[in-house]
Protein backbone atom coordinates (compact mmCIF):
# COMPACT_ATOMS: atom_id res chain seq x y z
CA MET A 1 8.06 -24.04 -45.80
CA PRO A 2 5.65 -21.85 -44.25
CA SER A 3 2.27 -21.12 -45.78
CA LEU A 4 1.04 -17.88 -47.10
CA ILE A 5 -1.51 -17.37 -44.33
CA ASP A 6 1.51 -18.20 -41.57
CA LEU A 7 3.47 -15.34 -43.47
CA ARG A 8 0.70 -13.03 -43.67
CA ARG A 9 0.13 -13.56 -40.15
CA ARG A 10 3.55 -12.90 -38.94
CA ILE A 11 3.60 -9.66 -41.26
CA ARG A 12 0.55 -8.39 -39.27
CA SER A 13 2.12 -9.35 -36.01
CA VAL A 14 5.33 -7.25 -36.71
CA LYS A 15 3.57 -4.34 -38.11
CA SER A 16 1.35 -4.23 -34.98
CA THR A 17 4.68 -4.28 -32.93
CA GLN A 18 6.12 -1.53 -35.32
CA GLN A 19 3.04 0.63 -34.55
CA ILE A 20 3.83 0.42 -30.92
CA THR A 21 7.30 1.14 -30.87
CA LYS A 22 6.74 4.15 -33.09
CA ALA A 23 4.01 5.43 -30.65
CA MET A 24 6.59 5.00 -27.62
CA LYS A 25 9.14 6.68 -29.52
CA MET A 26 6.87 9.55 -29.92
CA ILE A 27 5.77 9.93 -26.41
CA ALA A 28 9.42 9.58 -25.13
CA THR A 29 10.31 12.40 -27.48
CA SER A 30 7.58 14.70 -26.05
CA ARG A 31 8.43 13.83 -22.57
CA LEU A 32 12.26 14.32 -23.32
CA ARG A 33 11.54 17.99 -24.25
CA LYS A 34 10.16 18.68 -20.98
CA ALA A 35 12.68 16.76 -19.12
CA GLN A 36 15.38 18.61 -20.78
CA ASP A 37 13.71 22.07 -19.75
CA ARG A 38 13.85 20.68 -16.13
CA VAL A 39 17.60 19.76 -16.47
CA LEU A 40 18.53 23.07 -17.65
CA ALA A 41 16.33 25.04 -15.33
CA SER A 42 17.72 23.05 -12.28
CA ARG A 43 21.59 23.45 -12.99
CA PRO A 44 21.83 27.40 -12.37
CA MET A 45 20.23 26.81 -9.01
CA ALA A 46 22.61 24.38 -8.06
CA ARG A 47 25.57 26.25 -9.03
CA GLN A 48 24.44 29.50 -7.34
CA LEU A 49 23.91 27.39 -4.12
CA MET A 50 27.47 26.20 -4.16
CA THR A 51 28.55 29.81 -4.80
CA VAL A 52 26.79 31.01 -1.70
CA LEU A 53 28.14 27.83 0.31
CA HIS A 54 31.73 28.56 -0.71
CA SER A 55 31.42 32.36 0.40
CA LEU A 56 30.00 30.84 3.78
CA SER A 57 32.36 28.16 4.33
CA GLY A 58 35.29 30.49 5.14
CA ARG A 59 33.33 32.25 8.02
CA VAL A 60 31.82 29.41 9.83
CA ASP A 61 32.87 26.42 12.19
CA HIS A 62 32.52 23.28 10.04
CA ALA A 63 32.68 21.12 12.66
CA ALA A 64 29.19 22.32 14.41
CA HIS A 65 27.39 20.86 11.63
CA PRO A 66 26.62 17.08 11.69
CA LEU A 67 26.50 16.73 7.86
CA LEU A 68 29.99 17.94 7.73
CA ALA A 69 31.20 15.46 9.99
CA LEU A 70 33.89 13.22 8.33
CA ARG A 71 33.65 9.41 9.24
CA ASP A 72 36.06 6.61 8.27
CA GLU A 73 33.86 4.79 5.91
CA ALA A 74 36.79 2.62 4.54
CA ARG A 75 37.37 0.90 7.92
CA PRO A 76 35.91 -2.74 8.09
CA GLY A 77 32.38 -2.92 9.19
CA SER A 78 31.32 0.40 8.60
CA THR A 79 27.90 0.96 7.00
CA VAL A 80 27.49 2.66 3.61
CA MET A 81 24.11 3.70 2.02
CA LEU A 82 23.75 3.46 -1.83
CA ILE A 83 20.83 4.98 -3.56
CA VAL A 84 20.03 3.32 -6.65
CA VAL A 85 17.94 5.42 -9.44
CA THR A 86 16.41 3.46 -12.11
CA ALA A 87 13.47 3.66 -14.36
CA ASP A 88 9.99 2.16 -13.36
CA LYS A 89 9.62 0.62 -16.90
CA GLY A 90 11.70 -1.24 -19.37
CA LEU A 91 12.17 -0.82 -23.12
CA CYS A 92 14.72 1.71 -22.75
CA GLY A 93 17.82 0.00 -24.08
CA GLY A 94 20.64 -0.56 -21.57
CA PHE A 95 19.50 2.24 -19.39
CA ASN A 96 18.46 0.08 -16.10
CA THR A 97 21.02 -2.65 -17.03
CA ASN A 98 24.30 -0.48 -16.82
CA ILE A 99 22.88 1.06 -13.58
CA LEU A 100 22.36 -2.50 -12.06
CA LYS A 101 25.85 -3.87 -13.11
CA GLU A 102 27.43 -0.55 -11.49
CA ALA A 103 25.41 -1.05 -8.37
CA THR A 104 26.65 -4.49 -8.28
CA ARG A 105 30.06 -3.70 -8.86
CA PHE A 106 29.89 -0.92 -5.98
CA ILE A 107 28.64 -3.73 -3.58
CA THR A 108 31.48 -6.15 -4.60
CA ALA A 109 34.25 -3.54 -4.20
CA ARG A 110 32.99 -3.08 -0.38
CA ALA A 111 32.63 -6.61 0.53
CA ASP A 112 34.53 -5.89 3.74
CA ARG A 113 31.76 -3.21 4.84
CA GLN A 114 27.83 -3.47 5.06
CA VAL A 115 26.06 -1.82 2.01
CA VAL A 116 22.37 -0.84 2.68
CA LEU A 117 20.35 0.17 -0.33
CA GLY A 118 17.62 2.60 -1.04
CA PHE A 119 15.85 2.43 -4.21
CA VAL A 120 14.48 5.13 -6.41
CA GLY A 121 12.52 3.34 -9.32
CA ARG A 122 10.88 -0.18 -9.71
CA LYS A 123 13.49 -1.79 -11.77
CA GLY A 124 16.05 -1.61 -9.19
CA ARG A 125 14.13 -2.34 -6.32
CA ASP A 126 12.83 -5.60 -7.90
CA PHE A 127 16.19 -6.73 -9.16
CA PHE A 128 17.67 -6.61 -5.62
CA ARG A 129 14.72 -7.83 -4.08
CA ARG A 130 14.93 -11.09 -6.00
CA ARG A 131 18.68 -11.23 -4.76
CA GLY A 132 17.55 -11.00 -0.98
CA PHE A 133 18.17 -7.41 -0.41
CA THR A 134 16.06 -5.51 2.02
CA PRO A 135 15.94 -1.84 1.12
CA ARG A 136 16.29 0.91 4.04
CA PHE A 137 13.45 2.68 1.87
CA GLU A 138 12.06 2.73 -1.69
CA ARG A 139 10.37 5.35 -3.97
CA VAL A 140 8.36 3.73 -6.89
CA GLY A 141 6.17 5.45 -9.52
CA ILE A 142 7.48 9.04 -8.59
CA PHE A 143 8.94 9.68 -12.30
CA GLN A 144 5.19 9.70 -13.67
CA HIS A 145 4.85 13.09 -11.85
CA LEU A 146 8.26 13.96 -10.39
CA GLU A 147 7.95 17.06 -8.09
CA TYR A 148 10.25 18.81 -5.60
CA PRO A 149 8.64 16.89 -2.30
CA ASP A 150 9.84 13.42 -3.91
CA ALA A 151 13.45 14.88 -3.77
CA ARG A 152 13.11 16.33 -0.49
CA THR A 153 11.80 13.13 1.18
CA ILE A 154 14.76 11.05 -0.26
CA ALA A 155 17.15 13.72 0.94
CA THR A 156 15.59 13.79 4.45
CA LEU A 157 15.72 9.92 4.47
CA ALA A 158 19.33 10.19 3.84
CA THR A 159 20.23 12.91 6.26
CA ASP A 160 18.29 11.23 8.99
CA GLU A 161 20.15 8.00 8.58
CA TYR A 162 23.52 9.72 8.49
CA VAL A 163 22.95 12.13 11.68
CA ALA A 164 21.57 9.07 13.57
CA GLY A 165 24.99 7.14 13.10
CA THR A 166 23.48 4.33 11.27
CA VAL A 167 25.44 4.82 7.88
CA ASP A 168 28.98 6.26 7.74
CA ALA A 169 28.40 7.62 4.22
CA VAL A 170 25.75 8.06 1.51
CA TYR A 171 26.09 7.73 -2.03
CA ILE A 172 23.80 8.09 -5.21
CA LEU A 173 24.00 5.91 -8.25
CA TYR A 174 22.04 7.55 -11.40
CA ASN A 175 22.50 8.16 -15.22
CA GLU A 176 23.31 11.77 -16.12
CA PHE A 177 21.92 13.08 -19.10
CA LYS A 178 24.61 14.08 -21.55
CA SER A 179 22.84 14.00 -24.97
CA ILE A 180 20.03 12.16 -26.72
CA LEU A 181 22.52 9.64 -27.67
CA GLN A 182 24.71 9.55 -24.64
CA GLN A 183 24.02 8.95 -20.74
CA ARG A 184 26.74 8.61 -18.18
CA ILE A 185 26.82 6.47 -15.25
CA VAL A 186 27.55 8.71 -12.15
CA VAL A 187 28.45 7.45 -8.39
CA GLU A 188 28.31 10.84 -6.13
CA ARG A 189 29.00 10.83 -2.66
CA LEU A 190 26.09 12.86 -0.93
CA LEU A 191 27.11 12.64 2.55
CA PRO A 192 29.41 13.64 4.47
CA ILE A 193 29.57 16.73 2.70
CA ALA A 194 33.35 17.87 2.34
CA ALA A 195 33.92 21.52 2.46
CA SER A 196 36.35 21.32 -0.45
CA ASP A 197 33.28 20.36 -2.66
CA PHE A 198 32.14 24.05 -2.62
CA THR A 199 35.77 25.43 -3.19
CA ALA A 200 36.13 23.26 -6.27
CA GLU A 201 32.70 24.08 -7.60
CA SER A 202 33.22 28.06 -6.88
CA ALA A 203 36.61 27.99 -8.40
CA ALA A 204 35.41 26.93 -11.77
CA ALA A 205 32.79 29.57 -11.55
CA PRO A 206 33.40 32.62 -13.99
CA GLY A 207 33.72 36.16 -12.57
CA PRO A 208 35.19 37.88 -9.90
CA ALA A 209 34.54 36.64 -6.13
CA ILE A 210 32.06 38.71 -4.20
CA ASP A 211 32.00 39.51 -0.68
CA TYR A 212 28.38 39.28 1.28
CA LEU A 213 26.87 40.94 4.24
CA TYR A 214 24.92 38.17 5.77
CA GLU A 215 21.68 38.59 8.16
CA PRO A 216 21.46 36.51 10.21
CA SER A 217 24.72 35.20 11.07
CA PRO A 218 26.53 33.18 8.39
CA GLN A 219 26.51 30.11 10.73
CA GLU A 220 22.80 30.33 10.88
CA ILE A 221 22.64 30.35 7.08
CA PHE A 222 25.11 28.00 6.56
CA ASP A 223 23.39 25.49 8.84
CA GLU A 224 20.14 26.03 6.93
CA LEU A 225 21.49 25.65 3.57
CA LEU A 226 23.53 22.58 3.77
CA PRO A 227 20.16 20.18 4.09
CA THR A 228 19.25 22.33 1.18
CA TYR A 229 22.44 21.30 -0.45
CA VAL A 230 21.80 17.71 -0.26
CA PHE A 231 17.98 18.06 -1.53
CA VAL A 232 19.24 20.05 -4.51
CA GLU A 233 21.91 17.24 -5.43
CA VAL A 234 19.31 14.55 -4.95
CA TRP A 235 16.79 16.62 -7.14
CA GLN A 236 19.49 17.17 -9.63
CA ALA A 237 20.02 13.30 -9.73
CA LEU A 238 16.28 12.52 -10.44
CA VAL A 239 15.91 15.02 -13.41
CA GLU A 240 18.88 13.97 -15.00
CA SER A 241 17.94 10.43 -14.67
CA ALA A 242 14.48 11.20 -16.04
CA ALA A 243 15.69 12.90 -19.05
CA ALA A 244 18.31 10.19 -19.56
CA GLU A 245 15.64 7.63 -19.35
CA HIS A 246 13.38 9.18 -21.91
CA ALA A 247 16.40 9.70 -24.33
CA ALA A 248 17.37 5.93 -23.87
CA ARG A 249 13.68 4.91 -24.48
CA MET A 250 13.41 7.29 -27.62
CA THR A 251 16.73 5.78 -29.09
CA ALA A 252 15.71 2.14 -28.19
CA MET A 253 12.18 2.69 -29.74
CA ASP A 254 13.53 4.25 -32.94
CA SER A 255 16.13 1.27 -33.49
CA ALA A 256 13.37 -1.31 -32.92
CA SER A 257 10.94 0.42 -35.41
CA ARG A 258 13.65 0.36 -37.85
CA ASN A 259 14.41 -3.27 -36.97
CA ALA A 260 10.75 -3.86 -37.49
CA GLY A 261 10.68 -2.41 -40.88
CA GLU A 262 13.79 -4.62 -41.93
CA VAL A 263 11.84 -7.74 -40.87
CA ILE A 264 8.69 -6.74 -42.64
CA ASP A 265 10.55 -6.11 -45.96
CA SER A 266 12.40 -9.56 -45.51
CA LEU A 267 9.01 -11.31 -44.71
CA THR A 268 7.18 -9.53 -47.52
CA LEU A 269 10.09 -10.55 -50.18
CA TYR A 270 10.05 -14.11 -48.81
CA MET A 271 6.13 -14.10 -49.00
CA ASN A 272 6.36 -13.20 -52.67
CA LYS A 273 8.72 -15.92 -53.54
CA VAL A 274 6.37 -18.29 -51.98
CA ARG A 275 3.44 -17.13 -53.74
CA GLN A 276 5.35 -17.14 -57.07
CA ALA A 277 6.48 -20.61 -56.35
CA GLY A 278 3.01 -21.87 -55.63
CA ILE A 279 1.63 -20.09 -58.88
CA THR A 280 4.53 -21.81 -61.08
CA ARG A 281 3.75 -25.07 -59.40
CA GLU A 282 -0.08 -24.74 -60.10
CA ILE A 283 0.76 -23.81 -63.89
CA ILE A 284 3.01 -26.83 -64.20
CA GLU A 285 0.30 -28.96 -63.02
CA VAL A 286 -2.32 -27.58 -65.23
CA VAL A 287 0.16 -28.00 -68.32
CA SER A 288 1.01 -31.41 -67.02
CA GLY A 289 -2.66 -32.51 -67.08
CA ALA A 290 -3.47 -31.18 -70.48
CA GLN A 291 -0.51 -32.98 -72.03
CA ALA A 292 -1.55 -36.13 -70.29
CA GLN A 293 -4.85 -35.98 -71.88
């Protein structure tokens, strides 16, 4: 049976841990609000860009742009790039674990092809580095101060690899923010861009179709907007992942705080029983000694 000193020490330790988890929950809650605002602000831009690209796609030659050049990524020996977006820190439930499991399944399903990896976030980089993977690129620590140039750098690295012909397709894997309690893992193909993507997105947009007059030519605008489309898709993935991370950490820390409270109650009850047993034993010893005299 542990002594009262040991029990008090354990209770103090759990209380200290509970204070940390409560503080982390409050920090995650405040950051989640800002991340949600970014997600909501980025979605209209992405929808409008898709609408413009759909309008342009019927007026241009799709074969003229390298980002629209379809390649046979399913053939044995082809090279596929997967950009894995994880967090830089842990203590966020299954946020990182689910991404890493999906990335492993992605690689296993393409055993006859070469899968090269790009990492956004320290957790994904460290996980695959321990398993002998050498990344094409890595971006660590950007979620502390996520800005547009971070997404543009990642999009440029991916498009350069595709245009150079070193990879036949580029995918991005991330957690999509659905709600505070729910995140959805998304595997999205960035490159090559299929013209049908613009049609599908615009068909879902409400309102009548609008015919535009373009200056300069539609082909010039289309060629300029396609790299921007990749950048916007990467930016959307990053802000979605950032919001999902804060939501997962807030939920995990809230659960940890409640569990710590239950442990404290259990230890306090047990400590009171031990103390009561000690007091009873001392009373019995005193009475027994008095009777012996």
